[in-house]
Amino acid sequence: MSEELVPRDDVRATLAARKELGEDIEPALVDAFVERIEKRLAQTSRESEQALRRKREHQKEMVLGGMALSIPLFALAAIFTGLAGVIVVCSALVVIAVVTAR
């Protein structure tokens, strides 16, 4: 992870507060700190899921668009160039699917 879950200043502040307030308040400080970490993890997880969903939608749109364009291309290739043209159109569909899968 390139981004910190909790800023270092927060960690230092929590440790300083523990030193100042003593061990009596330590459980409350730890609970508050853990809660901040859990919130940040949940936010990161949501962001990751949204990015994955957007990528999958884009991939689906590209493949379906390529397939829609290939229908008239298949007809033209079959009429004017025969099997070689159909193979080229199929190859183009494969390339589109592979490139969008990355």
Protein backbone atom coordinates (compact mmCIF):
# COMPACT_ATOMS: atom_id res chain seq x y z
CA MET A 1 0.00 0.00 0.00
CA SER A 2 1.39 3.35 -0.95
CA GLU A 3 -1.01 5.30 1.22
CA GLU A 4 -0.94 5.21 5.00
CA LEU A 5 -4.05 3.86 6.70
CA VAL A 6 -3.60 6.24 9.60
CA PRO A 7 -1.29 9.26 9.40
CA ARG A 8 1.89 8.96 11.46
CA ASP A 9 0.96 12.11 13.32
CA ASP A 10 -2.16 10.36 14.64
CA VAL A 11 -0.05 7.46 15.87
CA ARG A 12 2.37 9.81 17.58
CA ALA A 13 -0.47 11.82 19.13
CA THR A 14 -2.11 8.66 20.46
CA LEU A 15 1.16 7.48 21.98
CA ALA A 16 1.80 10.89 23.51
CA ALA A 17 -1.71 10.95 24.97
CA ARG A 18 -1.12 7.51 26.47
CA LYS A 19 2.08 8.69 28.12
CA GLU A 20 0.42 11.80 29.49
CA LEU A 21 -2.83 10.21 30.66
CA GLY A 22 -1.36 7.00 31.98
CA GLU A 23 -2.48 3.41 31.74
CA ASP A 24 -5.95 4.08 33.14
CA ILE A 25 -7.19 5.59 29.90
CA GLU A 26 -5.19 3.26 27.63
CA PRO A 27 -8.13 0.97 26.65
CA ALA A 28 -10.18 3.95 25.46
CA LEU A 29 -7.25 5.29 23.43
CA VAL A 30 -6.63 1.91 21.85
CA ASP A 31 -10.33 1.47 21.03
CA ALA A 32 -10.50 4.90 19.39
CA PHE A 33 -7.34 4.25 17.41
CA VAL A 34 -8.54 0.82 16.24
CA GLU A 35 -11.88 2.34 15.23
CA ARG A 36 -10.09 4.89 13.01
CA ILE A 37 -8.09 2.10 11.38
CA GLU A 38 -11.22 0.02 10.78
CA LYS A 39 -13.03 2.98 9.20
CA ARG A 40 -10.09 3.62 6.89
CA LEU A 41 -9.91 -0.06 5.90
CA ALA A 42 -13.63 -0.09 5.13
CA GLN A 43 -13.28 3.05 3.01
CA THR A 44 -10.32 1.58 1.11
CA SER A 45 -12.26 -1.62 0.51
CA ARG A 46 -15.26 0.29 -0.87
CA GLU A 47 -13.01 2.33 -3.17
CA SER A 48 -11.35 -0.84 -4.43
CA GLU A 49 -14.69 -2.51 -5.12
CA GLN A 50 -15.95 0.54 -7.01
CA ALA A 51 -12.80 0.66 -9.15
CA LEU A 52 -13.13 -3.03 -9.98
CA ARG A 53 -16.81 -2.59 -10.86
CA ARG A 54 -15.97 0.33 -13.20
CA LYS A 55 -13.23 -1.71 -14.87
CA ARG A 56 -15.56 -4.66 -15.45
CA GLU A 57 -18.28 -2.42 -16.88
CA HIS A 58 -15.78 -0.82 -19.27
CA GLN A 59 -14.51 -4.23 -20.33
CA LYS A 60 -18.05 -5.45 -20.98
CA GLU A 61 -18.88 -2.35 -23.02
CA MET A 62 -15.77 -2.70 -25.15
CA VAL A 63 -16.34 -6.39 -25.90
CA LEU A 64 -20.02 -5.90 -26.70
CA GLY A 65 -19.20 -2.89 -28.88
CA GLY A 66 -16.56 -4.90 -30.73
CA MET A 67 -19.02 -7.71 -31.28
CA ALA A 68 -21.65 -5.30 -32.59
CA LEU A 69 -19.19 -3.82 -35.05
CA SER A 70 -18.03 -7.25 -36.14
CA ILE A 71 -21.43 -8.30 -37.51
CA PRO A 72 -21.31 -6.09 -40.60
CA LEU A 73 -17.56 -6.65 -40.86
CA PHE A 74 -18.13 -10.42 -40.99
CA ALA A 75 -20.61 -9.97 -43.80
CA LEU A 76 -18.30 -7.69 -45.79
CA ALA A 77 -15.28 -9.91 -45.16
CA ALA A 78 -17.15 -13.05 -46.19
CA ILE A 79 -18.46 -11.47 -49.38
CA PHE A 80 -15.32 -9.72 -50.59
CA THR A 81 -12.35 -11.60 -49.12
CA GLY A 82 -13.66 -14.98 -48.06
CA LEU A 83 -12.14 -17.00 -45.24
CA ALA A 84 -9.08 -14.79 -44.85
CA GLY A 85 -11.25 -11.75 -44.11
CA VAL A 86 -13.36 -13.65 -41.59
CA ILE A 87 -10.18 -14.80 -39.82
CA VAL A 88 -8.94 -11.20 -39.64
CA VAL A 89 -12.24 -10.03 -38.10
CA CYS A 90 -12.10 -12.87 -35.54
CA SER A 91 -8.53 -11.93 -34.72
CA ALA A 92 -9.57 -8.32 -34.18
CA LEU A 93 -12.28 -9.48 -31.73
CA VAL A 94 -9.72 -11.51 -29.81
CA VAL A 95 -7.36 -8.55 -29.64
CA ILE A 96 -10.14 -6.30 -28.31
CA ALA A 97 -11.08 -8.85 -25.64
CA VAL A 98 -7.46 -9.36 -24.54
CA VAL A 99 -6.59 -5.66 -24.45
CA THR A 100 -9.66 -4.73 -22.43
CA ALA A 101 -9.05 -7.59 -19.98
CA ARG A 102 -5.86 -5.90 -18.79
